[in-house]
Amino acid sequence: MLPRLIRPLLWLLLAALLCCGPGIQPVAASLTNNTYDGNIYALYAGNGSLVPPRTTLAQALAEHRPAVVVYFLDDASASKRFAPEVSELQRLWGNSIELIPLATDPLQNRPDGGVDDPAHYWKGVIPQVVVFDAAGKVVLDASGQVDPDGLNRAISTATGIALPEGQRSSTTISFNELNSEVISQP
């Protein structure tokens, strides 16, 4: 038999669970739907440091730094699936490039601000990747699930830095229903 003080507490706890329980919903984040799940780089690539970007396209071009602009939407499954590729770019190229992931919502329905404005290059599709060399010349402008090897070759051209041996081919593997990892193949 339960002590006299514990029984009312258990009834109170049971009543609270019954009242609040049906309102609690499980988390339903998914790579395959177009719902907003939060920062896609933190959730699907394990790298929340990408957003917001540390620099702007205008700053990168003014400083003659190679840049990679990635246009995305947090609520698009195509962007969610591409997030690990963007994270891998940061790991592989580090400070050799300015990596600038940009949500496209602020770019919509506004005037083109010229060649140092990211809206100038956005074509209305996501994901889209634009690679600039140090002179500001577009080396690659590709949309959709961009081939990581072609993207790395374009960045190599833009930076003048050869890809390290063993980094010439990569593949994306999923290790659970939310996260993927890009791995290099020899």
N, C-alpha and C. Protein backbone atom coordinates (compact mmCIF):
# COMPACT_ATOMS: atom_id res chain seq x y z
N MET A 1 0.83 -1.17 0.00
CA MET A 1 0.00 0.00 0.00
C MET A 1 0.88 1.24 0.00
N LEU A 2 0.53 2.18 -0.86
CA LEU A 2 1.31 3.41 -0.99
C LEU A 2 1.08 4.31 0.21
N PRO A 3 2.14 5.01 0.63
CA PRO A 3 1.96 5.97 1.72
C PRO A 3 0.88 6.99 1.37
N ARG A 4 0.28 7.49 2.37
CA ARG A 4 -0.87 8.37 2.25
C ARG A 4 -0.59 9.63 1.42
N LEU A 5 0.60 10.21 1.47
CA LEU A 5 0.93 11.43 0.75
C LEU A 5 1.22 11.18 -0.73
N ILE A 6 1.71 10.02 -1.06
CA ILE A 6 2.11 9.73 -2.43
C ILE A 6 0.90 9.48 -3.32
N ARG A 7 -0.13 8.84 -2.81
CA ARG A 7 -1.31 8.51 -3.61
C ARG A 7 -1.94 9.76 -4.25
N PRO A 8 -2.20 10.87 -3.53
CA PRO A 8 -2.76 12.06 -4.18
C PRO A 8 -1.82 12.66 -5.24
N LEU A 9 -0.52 12.58 -4.99
CA LEU A 9 0.44 13.09 -5.97
C LEU A 9 0.39 12.27 -7.26
N LEU A 10 0.26 10.97 -7.14
CA LEU A 10 0.16 10.12 -8.32
C LEU A 10 -1.11 10.41 -9.11
N TRP A 11 -2.24 10.62 -8.41
CA TRP A 11 -3.49 10.96 -9.09
C TRP A 11 -3.36 12.31 -9.81
N LEU A 12 -2.69 13.26 -9.19
CA LEU A 12 -2.48 14.57 -9.78
C LEU A 12 -1.59 14.46 -11.03
N LEU A 13 -0.54 13.66 -10.96
CA LEU A 13 0.34 13.44 -12.09
C LEU A 13 -0.41 12.76 -13.23
N LEU A 14 -1.22 11.76 -12.92
CA LEU A 14 -2.01 11.07 -13.93
C LEU A 14 -2.99 12.02 -14.60
N ALA A 15 -3.65 12.87 -13.82
CA ALA A 15 -4.59 13.84 -14.38
C ALA A 15 -3.87 14.82 -15.29
N ALA A 16 -2.69 15.27 -14.91
CA ALA A 16 -1.91 16.21 -15.74
C ALA A 16 -1.51 15.56 -17.05
N LEU A 17 -1.10 14.31 -17.00
CA LEU A 17 -0.72 13.61 -18.22
C LEU A 17 -1.90 13.41 -19.15
N LEU A 18 -3.06 13.09 -18.60
CA LEU A 18 -4.25 12.90 -19.43
C LEU A 18 -4.72 14.19 -20.06
N CYS A 19 -4.57 15.30 -19.33
CA CYS A 19 -5.00 16.59 -19.87
C CYS A 19 -4.03 17.11 -20.92
N CYS A 20 -2.76 16.94 -20.70
CA CYS A 20 -1.74 17.52 -21.59
C CYS A 20 -1.28 16.55 -22.66
N GLY A 21 -1.36 15.29 -22.42
CA GLY A 21 -0.83 14.27 -23.32
C GLY A 21 -1.31 14.36 -24.75
N PRO A 22 -2.62 14.46 -25.01
CA PRO A 22 -3.07 14.48 -26.40
C PRO A 22 -2.57 15.69 -27.20
N GLY A 23 -2.21 16.77 -26.55
CA GLY A 23 -1.73 17.96 -27.25
C GLY A 23 -0.27 17.87 -27.66
N ILE A 24 0.46 16.91 -27.15
CA ILE A 24 1.87 16.77 -27.46
C ILE A 24 2.01 16.00 -28.77
N GLN A 25 2.73 16.59 -29.72
CA GLN A 25 2.92 15.96 -31.02
C GLN A 25 4.38 15.55 -31.17
N PRO A 26 4.65 14.42 -31.80
CA PRO A 26 6.03 14.03 -32.03
C PRO A 26 6.67 14.92 -33.10
N VAL A 27 7.97 15.03 -33.06
CA VAL A 27 8.69 15.79 -34.07
C VAL A 27 8.61 15.03 -35.38
N ALA A 28 8.37 15.74 -36.46
CA ALA A 28 8.18 15.08 -37.75
C ALA A 28 9.09 15.67 -38.82
N ALA A 29 10.34 15.94 -38.49
CA ALA A 29 11.27 16.46 -39.48
C ALA A 29 11.56 15.37 -40.51
N SER A 30 11.70 15.78 -41.78
CA SER A 30 11.92 14.81 -42.84
C SER A 30 12.62 15.45 -44.02
N LEU A 31 13.54 14.71 -44.60
CA LEU A 31 14.24 15.15 -45.80
C LEU A 31 13.32 15.18 -47.02
N THR A 32 12.24 14.44 -46.96
CA THR A 32 11.44 14.21 -48.16
C THR A 32 10.19 15.08 -48.26
N ASN A 33 10.01 16.04 -47.36
CA ASN A 33 8.83 16.90 -47.48
C ASN A 33 9.25 18.36 -47.52
N ASN A 34 8.32 19.20 -47.90
CA ASN A 34 8.57 20.63 -48.01
C ASN A 34 8.01 21.38 -46.81
N THR A 35 8.36 20.92 -45.62
CA THR A 35 7.93 21.60 -44.40
C THR A 35 9.13 22.26 -43.75
N TYR A 36 8.85 23.31 -43.00
CA TYR A 36 9.92 24.01 -42.29
C TYR A 36 10.27 23.23 -41.03
N ASP A 37 11.53 22.83 -40.94
CA ASP A 37 12.01 22.07 -39.79
C ASP A 37 13.04 22.84 -38.98
N GLY A 38 13.38 24.04 -39.40
CA GLY A 38 14.42 24.82 -38.74
C GLY A 38 15.62 24.96 -39.66
N ASN A 39 16.77 25.28 -39.10
CA ASN A 39 18.00 25.46 -39.86
C ASN A 39 18.39 24.13 -40.50
N ILE A 40 18.30 24.02 -41.82
CA ILE A 40 18.58 22.75 -42.49
C ILE A 40 20.04 22.34 -42.35
N TYR A 41 20.94 23.30 -42.21
CA TYR A 41 22.36 22.95 -42.09
C TYR A 41 22.65 22.36 -40.72
N ALA A 42 22.00 22.84 -39.70
CA ALA A 42 22.17 22.26 -38.36
C ALA A 42 21.50 20.89 -38.28
N LEU A 43 20.30 20.78 -38.83
CA LEU A 43 19.52 19.55 -38.70
C LEU A 43 19.97 18.44 -39.62
N TYR A 44 20.17 18.73 -40.90
CA TYR A 44 20.44 17.68 -41.88
C TYR A 44 21.91 17.54 -42.22
N ALA A 45 22.74 18.52 -41.92
CA ALA A 45 24.17 18.42 -42.22
C ALA A 45 25.02 18.45 -40.96
N GLY A 46 24.39 18.69 -39.80
CA GLY A 46 25.15 18.73 -38.56
C GLY A 46 26.09 19.91 -38.47
N ASN A 47 25.78 21.02 -39.17
CA ASN A 47 26.69 22.15 -39.23
C ASN A 47 25.89 23.46 -39.22
N GLY A 48 25.53 23.92 -38.06
CA GLY A 48 24.76 25.16 -37.95
C GLY A 48 25.58 26.41 -38.15
N SER A 49 26.90 26.27 -38.32
CA SER A 49 27.76 27.45 -38.47
C SER A 49 27.68 28.08 -39.85
N LEU A 50 27.00 27.45 -40.78
CA LEU A 50 26.94 27.98 -42.14
C LEU A 50 25.99 29.17 -42.30
N VAL A 51 24.97 29.23 -41.45
CA VAL A 51 23.95 30.27 -41.57
C VAL A 51 23.89 31.04 -40.26
N PRO A 52 23.98 32.33 -40.26
CA PRO A 52 24.19 33.20 -41.41
C PRO A 52 25.63 33.13 -41.89
N PRO A 53 25.87 33.44 -43.17
CA PRO A 53 27.24 33.40 -43.69
C PRO A 53 28.10 34.47 -43.04
N ARG A 54 29.39 34.21 -42.99
CA ARG A 54 30.30 35.14 -42.31
C ARG A 54 30.62 36.38 -43.14
N THR A 55 30.30 36.36 -44.42
CA THR A 55 30.57 37.50 -45.29
C THR A 55 29.47 37.61 -46.35
N THR A 56 29.49 38.70 -47.09
CA THR A 56 28.53 38.90 -48.17
C THR A 56 29.23 38.72 -49.51
N LEU A 57 28.44 38.57 -50.55
CA LEU A 57 29.02 38.46 -51.89
C LEU A 57 29.76 39.76 -52.24
N ALA A 58 29.19 40.88 -51.90
CA ALA A 58 29.83 42.17 -52.19
C ALA A 58 31.21 42.26 -51.52
N GLN A 59 31.31 41.82 -50.27
CA GLN A 59 32.59 41.84 -49.57
C GLN A 59 33.59 40.90 -50.21
N ALA A 60 33.15 39.68 -50.56
CA ALA A 60 34.05 38.70 -51.18
C ALA A 60 34.58 39.22 -52.51
N LEU A 61 33.71 39.80 -53.33
CA LEU A 61 34.14 40.33 -54.62
C LEU A 61 35.07 41.52 -54.44
N ALA A 62 34.78 42.40 -53.48
CA ALA A 62 35.63 43.57 -53.22
C ALA A 62 37.02 43.17 -52.74
N GLU A 63 37.09 42.05 -52.00
CA GLU A 63 38.37 41.57 -51.47
C GLU A 63 39.05 40.58 -52.42
N HIS A 64 38.47 40.36 -53.59
CA HIS A 64 39.02 39.45 -54.61
C HIS A 64 39.25 38.05 -54.04
N ARG A 65 38.20 37.56 -53.37
CA ARG A 65 38.25 36.21 -52.79
C ARG A 65 37.32 35.30 -53.58
N PRO A 66 37.76 34.08 -53.89
CA PRO A 66 36.84 33.13 -54.52
C PRO A 66 35.64 32.91 -53.61
N ALA A 67 34.46 32.81 -54.21
CA ALA A 67 33.24 32.68 -53.42
C ALA A 67 32.32 31.62 -54.03
N VAL A 68 31.57 30.98 -53.16
CA VAL A 68 30.55 30.01 -53.57
C VAL A 68 29.25 30.45 -52.91
N VAL A 69 28.28 30.83 -53.75
CA VAL A 69 26.97 31.23 -53.24
C VAL A 69 26.02 30.06 -53.46
N VAL A 70 25.35 29.66 -52.39
CA VAL A 70 24.38 28.56 -52.45
C VAL A 70 23.02 29.13 -52.10
N TYR A 71 22.10 29.07 -53.04
CA TYR A 71 20.73 29.56 -52.83
C TYR A 71 19.89 28.38 -52.34
N PHE A 72 19.12 28.59 -51.26
CA PHE A 72 18.34 27.51 -50.66
C PHE A 72 17.08 28.05 -50.01
N LEU A 73 16.21 27.13 -49.65
CA LEU A 73 15.05 27.41 -48.80
C LEU A 73 15.03 26.37 -47.69
N ASP A 74 14.79 26.81 -46.46
CA ASP A 74 14.74 25.89 -45.33
C ASP A 74 13.59 24.90 -45.42
N ASP A 75 12.56 25.23 -46.18
CA ASP A 75 11.39 24.35 -46.24
C ASP A 75 11.28 23.59 -47.56
N ALA A 76 12.38 23.41 -48.27
CA ALA A 76 12.37 22.68 -49.54
C ALA A 76 13.16 21.38 -49.41
N SER A 77 12.57 20.28 -49.78
CA SER A 77 13.24 18.98 -49.65
C SER A 77 14.51 18.94 -50.49
N ALA A 78 14.54 19.60 -51.64
CA ALA A 78 15.74 19.62 -52.47
C ALA A 78 16.90 20.30 -51.74
N SER A 79 16.61 21.39 -51.03
CA SER A 79 17.64 22.07 -50.25
C SER A 79 18.08 21.22 -49.06
N LYS A 80 17.14 20.54 -48.43
CA LYS A 80 17.47 19.67 -47.30
C LYS A 80 18.44 18.57 -47.74
N ARG A 81 18.18 17.97 -48.90
CA ARG A 81 19.04 16.89 -49.40
C ARG A 81 20.41 17.40 -49.81
N PHE A 82 20.50 18.68 -50.21
CA PHE A 82 21.77 19.25 -50.65
C PHE A 82 22.61 19.81 -49.50
N ALA A 83 22.03 19.98 -48.33
CA ALA A 83 22.72 20.58 -47.18
C ALA A 83 24.04 19.88 -46.82
N PRO A 84 24.11 18.53 -46.81
CA PRO A 84 25.40 17.89 -46.49
C PRO A 84 26.50 18.24 -47.49
N GLU A 85 26.14 18.44 -48.74
CA GLU A 85 27.14 18.82 -49.75
C GLU A 85 27.74 20.19 -49.42
N VAL A 86 26.90 21.10 -48.99
CA VAL A 86 27.36 22.45 -48.64
C VAL A 86 28.27 22.38 -47.42
N SER A 87 27.91 21.59 -46.45
CA SER A 87 28.75 21.42 -45.26
C SER A 87 30.10 20.81 -45.64
N GLU A 88 30.10 19.88 -46.56
CA GLU A 88 31.34 19.26 -47.01
C GLU A 88 32.25 20.27 -47.70
N LEU A 89 31.66 21.23 -48.41
CA LEU A 89 32.47 22.28 -49.04
C LEU A 89 33.25 23.06 -47.98
N GLN A 90 32.59 23.36 -46.88
CA GLN A 90 33.26 24.09 -45.81
C GLN A 90 34.41 23.25 -45.23
N ARG A 91 34.17 21.97 -45.04
CA ARG A 91 35.22 21.09 -44.50
C ARG A 91 36.39 20.98 -45.46
N LEU A 92 36.10 20.78 -46.72
CA LEU A 92 37.14 20.53 -47.70
C LEU A 92 37.93 21.79 -48.07
N TRP A 93 37.23 22.91 -48.24
CA TRP A 93 37.89 24.11 -48.75
C TRP A 93 38.23 25.13 -47.67
N GLY A 94 37.62 25.01 -46.49
CA GLY A 94 37.96 25.88 -45.36
C GLY A 94 38.00 27.35 -45.70
N ASN A 95 39.12 27.99 -45.41
CA ASN A 95 39.27 29.43 -45.62
C ASN A 95 39.73 29.80 -47.03
N SER A 96 39.81 28.81 -47.93
CA SER A 96 40.21 29.10 -49.31
C SER A 96 39.11 29.76 -50.11
N ILE A 97 37.86 29.63 -49.62
CA ILE A 97 36.71 30.22 -50.31
C ILE A 97 35.83 30.94 -49.30
N GLU A 98 35.02 31.83 -49.81
CA GLU A 98 33.94 32.40 -49.01
C GLU A 98 32.69 31.60 -49.35
N LEU A 99 32.19 30.85 -48.40
CA LEU A 99 30.99 30.04 -48.60
C LEU A 99 29.80 30.85 -48.10
N ILE A 100 28.86 31.13 -49.02
CA ILE A 100 27.77 32.05 -48.72
C ILE A 100 26.42 31.38 -49.01
N PRO A 101 25.88 30.61 -48.05
CA PRO A 101 24.54 30.06 -48.24
C PRO A 101 23.49 31.15 -47.98
N LEU A 102 22.58 31.33 -48.94
CA LEU A 102 21.57 32.38 -48.83
C LEU A 102 20.17 31.82 -49.03
N ALA A 103 19.30 32.11 -48.07
CA ALA A 103 17.89 31.79 -48.24
C ALA A 103 17.34 32.72 -49.31
N THR A 104 16.49 32.21 -50.18
CA THR A 104 16.01 33.00 -51.32
C THR A 104 14.81 33.88 -51.00
N ASP A 105 14.16 33.66 -49.88
CA ASP A 105 12.99 34.49 -49.55
C ASP A 105 13.28 35.99 -49.63
N PRO A 106 14.39 36.50 -49.05
CA PRO A 106 14.64 37.94 -49.13
C PRO A 106 14.99 38.44 -50.53
N LEU A 107 15.33 37.53 -51.45
CA LEU A 107 15.73 37.93 -52.80
C LEU A 107 14.54 38.09 -53.75
N GLN A 108 13.41 37.55 -53.36
CA GLN A 108 12.24 37.55 -54.24
C GLN A 108 11.61 38.94 -54.33
N ASN A 109 11.18 39.26 -55.54
CA ASN A 109 10.44 40.50 -55.81
C ASN A 109 11.17 41.76 -55.39
N ARG A 110 12.45 41.78 -55.61
CA ARG A 110 13.19 43.02 -55.35
C ARG A 110 14.09 43.31 -56.55
N PRO A 111 14.44 44.55 -56.76
CA PRO A 111 15.24 44.90 -57.94
C PRO A 111 16.66 44.32 -57.87
N ASP A 112 17.22 44.10 -59.03
CA ASP A 112 18.60 43.61 -59.17
C ASP A 112 19.54 44.75 -58.80
N GLY A 113 20.44 44.49 -57.87
CA GLY A 113 21.35 45.52 -57.40
C GLY A 113 22.70 45.52 -58.09
N GLY A 114 22.85 44.79 -59.18
CA GLY A 114 24.14 44.77 -59.89
C GLY A 114 24.93 43.51 -59.62
N VAL A 115 26.17 43.49 -60.14
CA VAL A 115 26.96 42.26 -60.11
C VAL A 115 27.44 41.83 -58.72
N ASP A 116 27.40 42.72 -57.74
CA ASP A 116 27.78 42.29 -56.39
C ASP A 116 26.57 41.97 -55.52
N ASP A 117 25.40 41.91 -56.15
CA ASP A 117 24.15 41.57 -55.46
C ASP A 117 23.79 40.12 -55.78
N PRO A 118 23.58 39.28 -54.77
CA PRO A 118 23.24 37.88 -55.03
C PRO A 118 21.96 37.71 -55.85
N ALA A 119 21.04 38.64 -55.77
CA ALA A 119 19.80 38.54 -56.54
C ALA A 119 20.09 38.59 -58.05
N HIS A 120 21.20 39.17 -58.44
CA HIS A 120 21.58 39.28 -59.85
C HIS A 120 21.79 37.89 -60.47
N TYR A 121 22.24 36.93 -59.68
CA TYR A 121 22.60 35.61 -60.19
C TYR A 121 21.51 34.55 -59.96
N TRP A 122 20.61 34.82 -59.05
CA TRP A 122 19.60 33.82 -58.72
C TRP A 122 18.60 33.68 -59.85
N LYS A 123 18.35 32.43 -60.27
CA LYS A 123 17.46 32.15 -61.40
C LYS A 123 16.08 31.68 -60.98
N GLY A 124 15.79 31.69 -59.69
CA GLY A 124 14.46 31.30 -59.23
C GLY A 124 14.31 29.83 -58.93
N VAL A 125 15.39 29.07 -58.93
CA VAL A 125 15.33 27.65 -58.61
C VAL A 125 16.23 27.38 -57.41
N ILE A 126 15.91 26.29 -56.72
CA ILE A 126 16.73 25.91 -55.56
C ILE A 126 16.96 24.40 -55.59
N PRO A 127 18.04 23.91 -55.06
CA PRO A 127 19.22 24.72 -54.76
C PRO A 127 19.90 25.17 -56.05
N GLN A 128 20.63 26.24 -55.94
CA GLN A 128 21.45 26.76 -57.05
C GLN A 128 22.79 27.13 -56.45
N VAL A 129 23.86 26.81 -57.18
CA VAL A 129 25.21 27.11 -56.73
C VAL A 129 25.91 27.95 -57.79
N VAL A 130 26.51 29.05 -57.35
CA VAL A 130 27.30 29.90 -58.25
C VAL A 130 28.69 30.02 -57.65
N VAL A 131 29.70 29.65 -58.44
CA VAL A 131 31.10 29.72 -58.01
C VAL A 131 31.78 30.87 -58.73
N PHE A 132 32.41 31.76 -57.97
CA PHE A 132 33.13 32.92 -58.50
C PHE A 132 34.62 32.75 -58.26
N ASP A 133 35.43 33.15 -59.23
CA ASP A 133 36.87 33.17 -58.99
C ASP A 133 37.26 34.49 -58.32
N ALA A 134 38.54 34.69 -58.08
CA ALA A 134 39.00 35.89 -57.38
C ALA A 134 38.74 37.17 -58.17
N ALA A 135 38.59 37.06 -59.48
CA ALA A 135 38.32 38.24 -60.32
C ALA A 135 36.83 38.53 -60.41
N GLY A 136 35.99 37.69 -59.79
CA GLY A 136 34.55 37.90 -59.83
C GLY A 136 33.87 37.25 -61.02
N LYS A 137 34.62 36.46 -61.77
CA LYS A 137 34.07 35.76 -62.95
C LYS A 137 33.33 34.51 -62.47
N VAL A 138 32.15 34.25 -63.06
CA VAL A 138 31.38 33.05 -62.72
C VAL A 138 32.05 31.85 -63.39
N VAL A 139 32.46 30.89 -62.56
CA VAL A 139 33.10 29.67 -63.04
C VAL A 139 32.07 28.56 -63.21
N LEU A 140 31.06 28.54 -62.36
CA LEU A 140 30.01 27.52 -62.41
C LEU A 140 28.71 28.15 -61.96
N ASP A 141 27.65 27.86 -62.67
CA ASP A 141 26.30 28.26 -62.26
C ASP A 141 25.43 27.04 -62.54
N ALA A 142 25.08 26.31 -61.49
CA ALA A 142 24.35 25.05 -61.65
C ALA A 142 23.19 25.00 -60.67
N SER A 143 22.13 24.30 -61.08
CA SER A 143 20.93 24.18 -60.26
C SER A 143 20.63 22.72 -59.96
N GLY A 144 19.86 22.52 -58.90
CA GLY A 144 19.45 21.17 -58.52
C GLY A 144 20.50 20.49 -57.65
N GLN A 145 20.48 19.18 -57.64
CA GLN A 145 21.44 18.41 -56.85
C GLN A 145 22.76 18.38 -57.61
N VAL A 146 23.54 19.42 -57.44
CA VAL A 146 24.79 19.61 -58.19
C VAL A 146 25.77 18.50 -57.82
N ASP A 147 26.39 17.94 -58.86
CA ASP A 147 27.38 16.89 -58.68
C ASP A 147 28.54 17.39 -57.82
N PRO A 148 28.81 16.75 -56.69
CA PRO A 148 29.87 17.26 -55.80
C PRO A 148 31.25 17.27 -56.45
N ASP A 149 31.52 16.30 -57.31
CA ASP A 149 32.83 16.26 -57.95
C ASP A 149 33.00 17.41 -58.94
N GLY A 150 31.94 17.71 -59.71
CA GLY A 150 31.99 18.84 -60.63
C GLY A 150 32.10 20.15 -59.87
N LEU A 151 31.40 20.24 -58.75
CA LEU A 151 31.46 21.44 -57.92
C LEU A 151 32.87 21.63 -57.36
N ASN A 152 33.48 20.57 -56.88
CA ASN A 152 34.85 20.67 -56.36
C ASN A 152 35.85 21.02 -57.47
N ARG A 153 35.64 20.51 -58.68
CA ARG A 153 36.52 20.88 -59.80
C ARG A 153 36.39 22.37 -60.11
N ALA A 154 35.16 22.89 -60.07
CA ALA A 154 34.94 24.32 -60.33
C ALA A 154 35.61 25.17 -59.25
N ILE A 155 35.51 24.74 -58.01
CA ILE A 155 36.15 25.49 -56.92
C ILE A 155 37.67 25.42 -57.06
N SER A 156 38.18 24.27 -57.47
CA SER A 156 39.61 24.12 -57.70
C SER A 156 40.07 25.10 -58.78
N THR A 157 39.28 25.22 -59.85
CA THR A 157 39.60 26.18 -60.92
C THR A 157 39.53 27.61 -60.39
N ALA A 158 38.51 27.93 -59.60
CA ALA A 158 38.32 29.28 -59.08
C ALA A 158 39.43 29.69 -58.11
N THR A 159 39.92 28.75 -57.32
CA THR A 159 40.93 29.06 -56.31
C THR A 159 42.35 28.87 -56.82
N GLY A 160 42.52 28.03 -57.85
CA GLY A 160 43.87 27.68 -58.31
C GLY A 160 44.51 26.64 -57.41
N ILE A 161 43.72 26.04 -56.52
CA ILE A 161 44.23 25.03 -55.60
C ILE A 161 43.78 23.66 -56.10
N ALA A 162 44.72 22.77 -56.32
CA ALA A 162 44.38 21.43 -56.78
C ALA A 162 43.70 20.66 -55.66
N LEU A 163 42.78 19.81 -56.05
CA LEU A 163 42.14 18.94 -55.07
C LEU A 163 43.17 17.98 -54.51
N PRO A 164 43.17 17.73 -53.21
CA PRO A 164 44.11 16.75 -52.65
C PRO A 164 43.83 15.37 -53.22
N GLU A 165 44.88 14.57 -53.34
CA GLU A 165 44.69 13.19 -53.77
C GLU A 165 43.72 12.50 -52.82
N GLY A 166 42.87 11.69 -53.37
CA GLY A 166 41.87 11.00 -52.55
C GLY A 166 40.60 11.81 -52.38
N GLN A 167 40.59 13.06 -52.85
CA GLN A 167 39.41 13.91 -52.74
C GLN A 167 38.77 14.12 -54.12
N ARG A 168 39.12 13.31 -55.07
CA ARG A 168 38.64 13.52 -56.44
C ARG A 168 37.25 12.95 -56.67
N SER A 169 36.78 12.09 -55.79
CA SER A 169 35.46 11.50 -55.96
C SER A 169 34.80 11.40 -54.59
N SER A 170 33.51 11.68 -54.56
CA SER A 170 32.80 11.60 -53.28
C SER A 170 31.40 11.06 -53.51
N THR A 171 30.81 10.61 -52.42
CA THR A 171 29.45 10.12 -52.46
C THR A 171 28.73 10.51 -51.18
N THR A 172 27.43 10.60 -51.25
CA THR A 172 26.63 10.95 -50.08
C THR A 172 25.95 9.70 -49.58
N ILE A 173 26.10 9.44 -48.27
CA ILE A 173 25.42 8.30 -47.66
C ILE A 173 24.52 8.81 -46.54
N SER A 174 23.39 8.15 -46.35
CA SER A 174 22.50 8.47 -45.25
C SER A 174 22.78 7.51 -44.12
N PHE A 175 22.90 8.04 -42.90
CA PHE A 175 23.12 7.13 -41.79
C PHE A 175 21.95 7.10 -40.82
N ASN A 176 20.91 7.89 -41.08
CA ASN A 176 19.63 7.75 -40.40
C ASN A 176 18.59 8.50 -41.23
N GLU A 177 17.37 8.60 -40.75
CA GLU A 177 16.33 9.21 -41.58
C GLU A 177 16.48 10.71 -41.74
N LEU A 178 17.34 11.36 -40.96
CA LEU A 178 17.52 12.80 -41.05
C LEU A 178 18.86 13.22 -41.61
N ASN A 179 19.92 12.51 -41.29
CA ASN A 179 21.25 12.99 -41.59
C ASN A 179 21.94 12.20 -42.68
N SER A 180 22.75 12.93 -43.44
CA SER A 180 23.58 12.34 -44.48
C SER A 180 25.00 12.83 -44.27
N GLU A 181 25.93 12.12 -44.88
CA GLU A 181 27.33 12.50 -44.79
C GLU A 181 27.94 12.33 -46.16
N VAL A 182 28.81 13.28 -46.54
CA VAL A 182 29.52 13.18 -47.79
C VAL A 182 30.88 12.56 -47.46
N ILE A 183 31.21 11.48 -48.16
CA ILE A 183 32.49 10.84 -47.91
C ILE A 183 33.31 10.82 -49.19
N SER A 184 34.62 10.93 -49.05
CA SER A 184 35.53 10.90 -50.20
C SER A 184 35.88 9.46 -50.51
N GLN A 185 36.02 9.20 -51.79
CA GLN A 185 36.40 7.87 -52.24
C GLN A 185 37.72 7.96 -52.97
N PRO A 186 38.60 6.99 -52.76
CA PRO A 186 39.89 7.02 -53.48
C PRO A 186 39.72 6.76 -54.96
